[in-house]
Amino acid sequence: HSGIDGLLIGEALMRCDNLSEFLPQLKMQKVKS
């Protein structure tokens, strides 16, 4: 992962404290980029 990807993932983790919300967000971000 690049530094920017790390920041996006970190922000998503802070916003979503449970993995069931985090994992779909991560998939959507990968599709977008």
PDB file of N, CA and C in Angstrom:
ATOM      1  N   HIS A   1       0.841  -1.206   0.000  1.00  0.00           N
ATOM      2  CA  HIS A   1       0.000   0.000   0.000  1.00  0.00           C
ATOM      3  C   HIS A   1       0.869   1.247   0.000  1.00  0.00           C
ATOM      4  N   SER A   2       0.449   2.243  -0.731  1.00  0.00           N
ATOM      5  CA  SER A   2       1.149   3.528  -0.702  1.00  0.00           C
ATOM      6  C   SER A   2       0.759   4.295   0.547  1.00  0.00           C
ATOM      7  N   GLY A   3       1.448   5.379   0.825  1.00  0.00           N
ATOM      8  CA  GLY A   3       1.125   6.190   1.996  1.00  0.00           C
ATOM      9  C   GLY A   3      -0.297   6.721   1.934  1.00  0.00           C
ATOM     10  N   ILE A   4      -0.737   7.106   0.734  1.00  0.00           N
ATOM     11  CA  ILE A   4      -2.090   7.652   0.588  1.00  0.00           C
ATOM     12  C   ILE A   4      -3.125   6.576   0.902  1.00  0.00           C
ATOM     13  N   ASP A   5      -2.916   5.362   0.414  1.00  0.00           N
ATOM     14  CA  ASP A   5      -3.832   4.265   0.737  1.00  0.00           C
ATOM     15  C   ASP A   5      -3.895   4.055   2.236  1.00  0.00           C
ATOM     16  N   GLY A   6      -2.738   4.124   2.898  1.00  0.00           N
ATOM     17  CA  GLY A   6      -2.698   3.954   4.349  1.00  0.00           C
ATOM     18  C   GLY A   6      -3.533   5.005   5.053  1.00  0.00           C
ATOM     19  N   LEU A   7      -3.459   6.247   4.576  1.00  0.00           N
ATOM     20  CA  LEU A   7      -4.248   7.320   5.191  1.00  0.00           C
ATOM     21  C   LEU A   7      -5.738   7.081   4.992  1.00  0.00           C
ATOM     22  N   LEU A   8      -6.130   6.667   3.789  1.00  0.00           N
ATOM     23  CA  LEU A   8      -7.551   6.403   3.518  1.00  0.00           C
ATOM     24  C   LEU A   8      -8.061   5.287   4.419  1.00  0.00           C
ATOM     25  N   ILE A   9      -7.273   4.219   4.545  1.00  0.00           N
ATOM     26  CA  ILE A   9      -7.671   3.092   5.384  1.00  0.00           C
ATOM     27  C   ILE A   9      -7.745   3.529   6.844  1.00  0.00           C
ATOM     28  N   GLY A  10      -6.775   4.329   7.286  1.00  0.00           N
ATOM     29  CA  GLY A  10      -6.785   4.824   8.663  1.00  0.00           C
ATOM     30  C   GLY A  10      -8.020   5.659   8.951  1.00  0.00           C
ATOM     31  N   GLU A  11      -8.387   6.519   8.012  1.00  0.00           N
ATOM     32  CA  GLU A  11      -9.583   7.344   8.210  1.00  0.00           C
ATOM     33  C   GLU A  11     -10.831   6.480   8.254  1.00  0.00           C
ATOM     34  N   ALA A  12     -10.913   5.497   7.377  1.00  0.00           N
ATOM     35  CA  ALA A  12     -12.077   4.605   7.356  1.00  0.00           C
ATOM     36  C   ALA A  12     -12.172   3.835   8.669  1.00  0.00           C
ATOM     37  N   LEU A  13     -11.020   3.377   9.178  1.00  0.00           N
ATOM     38  CA  LEU A  13     -11.018   2.636  10.444  1.00  0.00           C
ATOM     39  C   LEU A  13     -11.483   3.519  11.586  1.00  0.00           C
ATOM     40  N   MET A  14     -11.065   4.788  11.581  1.00  0.00           N
ATOM     41  CA  MET A  14     -11.485   5.683  12.661  1.00  0.00           C
ATOM     42  C   MET A  14     -12.987   5.933  12.601  1.00  0.00           C
ATOM     43  N   ARG A  15     -13.513   6.016  11.370  1.00  0.00           N
ATOM     44  CA  ARG A  15     -14.944   6.290  11.224  1.00  0.00           C
ATOM     45  C   ARG A  15     -15.774   5.054  11.552  1.00  0.00           C
ATOM     46  N   CYS A  16     -15.288   3.882  11.167  1.00  0.00           N
ATOM     47  CA  CYS A  16     -16.056   2.646  11.360  1.00  0.00           C
ATOM     48  C   CYS A  16     -15.353   1.795  12.403  1.00  0.00           C
ATOM     49  N   ASP A  17     -15.947   1.714  13.594  1.00  0.00           N
ATOM     50  CA  ASP A  17     -15.251   0.940  14.609  1.00  0.00           C
ATOM     51  C   ASP A  17     -15.563  -0.537  14.504  1.00  0.00           C
ATOM     52  N   ASN A  18     -16.420  -0.972  13.582  1.00  0.00           N
ATOM     53  CA  ASN A  18     -16.556  -2.422  13.429  1.00  0.00           C
ATOM     54  C   ASN A  18     -16.276  -2.892  12.021  1.00  0.00           C
ATOM     55  N   LEU A  19     -15.685  -4.080  11.918  1.00  0.00           N
ATOM     56  CA  LEU A  19     -15.145  -4.552  10.644  1.00  0.00           C
ATOM     57  C   LEU A  19     -16.235  -4.800   9.618  1.00  0.00           C
ATOM     58  N   SER A  20     -17.453  -5.103  10.057  1.00  0.00           N
ATOM     59  CA  SER A  20     -18.519  -5.356   9.085  1.00  0.00           C
ATOM     60  C   SER A  20     -18.828  -4.093   8.297  1.00  0.00           C
ATOM     61  N   GLU A  21     -18.586  -2.911   8.886  1.00  0.00           N
ATOM     62  CA  GLU A  21     -18.745  -1.668   8.130  1.00  0.00           C
ATOM     63  C   GLU A  21     -17.459  -1.308   7.401  1.00  0.00           C
ATOM     64  N   PHE A  22     -16.312  -1.643   7.993  1.00  0.00           N
ATOM     65  CA  PHE A  22     -15.027  -1.246   7.415  1.00  0.00           C
ATOM     66  C   PHE A  22     -14.725  -2.005   6.120  1.00  0.00           C
ATOM     67  N   LEU A  23     -14.981  -3.311   6.124  1.00  0.00           N
ATOM     68  CA  LEU A  23     -14.597  -4.115   4.966  1.00  0.00           C
ATOM     69  C   LEU A  23     -15.327  -3.713   3.686  1.00  0.00           C
ATOM     70  N   PRO A  24     -16.657  -3.507   3.692  1.00  0.00           N
ATOM     71  CA  PRO A  24     -17.319  -3.025   2.475  1.00  0.00           C
ATOM     72  C   PRO A  24     -16.772  -1.670   2.018  1.00  0.00           C
ATOM     73  N   GLN A  25     -16.440  -0.784   2.956  1.00  0.00           N
ATOM     74  CA  GLN A  25     -15.870   0.521   2.580  1.00  0.00           C
ATOM     75  C   GLN A  25     -14.539   0.333   1.873  1.00  0.00           C
ATOM     76  N   LEU A  26     -13.726  -0.584   2.388  1.00  0.00           N
ATOM     77  CA  LEU A  26     -12.419  -0.832   1.783  1.00  0.00           C
ATOM     78  C   LEU A  26     -12.594  -1.339   0.354  1.00  0.00           C
ATOM     79  N   LYS A  27     -13.546  -2.231   0.137  1.00  0.00           N
ATOM     80  CA  LYS A  27     -13.795  -2.744  -1.208  1.00  0.00           C
ATOM     81  C   LYS A  27     -14.233  -1.621  -2.136  1.00  0.00           C
ATOM     82  N   MET A  28     -15.116  -0.748  -1.664  1.00  0.00           N
ATOM     83  CA  MET A  28     -15.579   0.349  -2.510  1.00  0.00           C
ATOM     84  C   MET A  28     -14.428   1.281  -2.866  1.00  0.00           C
ATOM     85  N   GLN A  29     -13.530   1.532  -1.905  1.00  0.00           N
ATOM     86  CA  GLN A  29     -12.397   2.424  -2.184  1.00  0.00           C
ATOM     87  C   GLN A  29     -11.465   1.785  -3.209  1.00  0.00           C
ATOM     88  N   LYS A  30     -11.274   0.470  -3.145  1.00  0.00           N
ATOM     89  CA  LYS A  30     -10.410  -0.197  -4.117  1.00  0.00           C
ATOM     90  C   LYS A  30     -11.029  -0.125  -5.511  1.00  0.00           C
ATOM     91  N   VAL A  31     -12.349  -0.267  -5.596  1.00  0.00           N
ATOM     92  CA  VAL A  31     -13.025  -0.199  -6.898  1.00  0.00           C
ATOM     93  C   VAL A  31     -12.898   1.203  -7.489  1.00  0.00           C
ATOM     94  N   LYS A  32     -13.018   2.226  -6.624  1.00  0.00           N
ATOM     95  CA  LYS A  32     -12.951   3.612  -7.103  1.00  0.00           C
ATOM     96  C   LYS A  32     -11.570   3.948  -7.650  1.00  0.00           C
ATOM     97  N   SER A  33     -10.519   3.475  -6.982  1.00  0.00           N
ATOM     98  CA  SER A  33      -9.156   3.846  -7.366  1.00  0.00           C
ATOM     99  C   SER A  33      -8.538   2.900  -8.385  1.00  0.00           C
TER     100      SER A  33
END
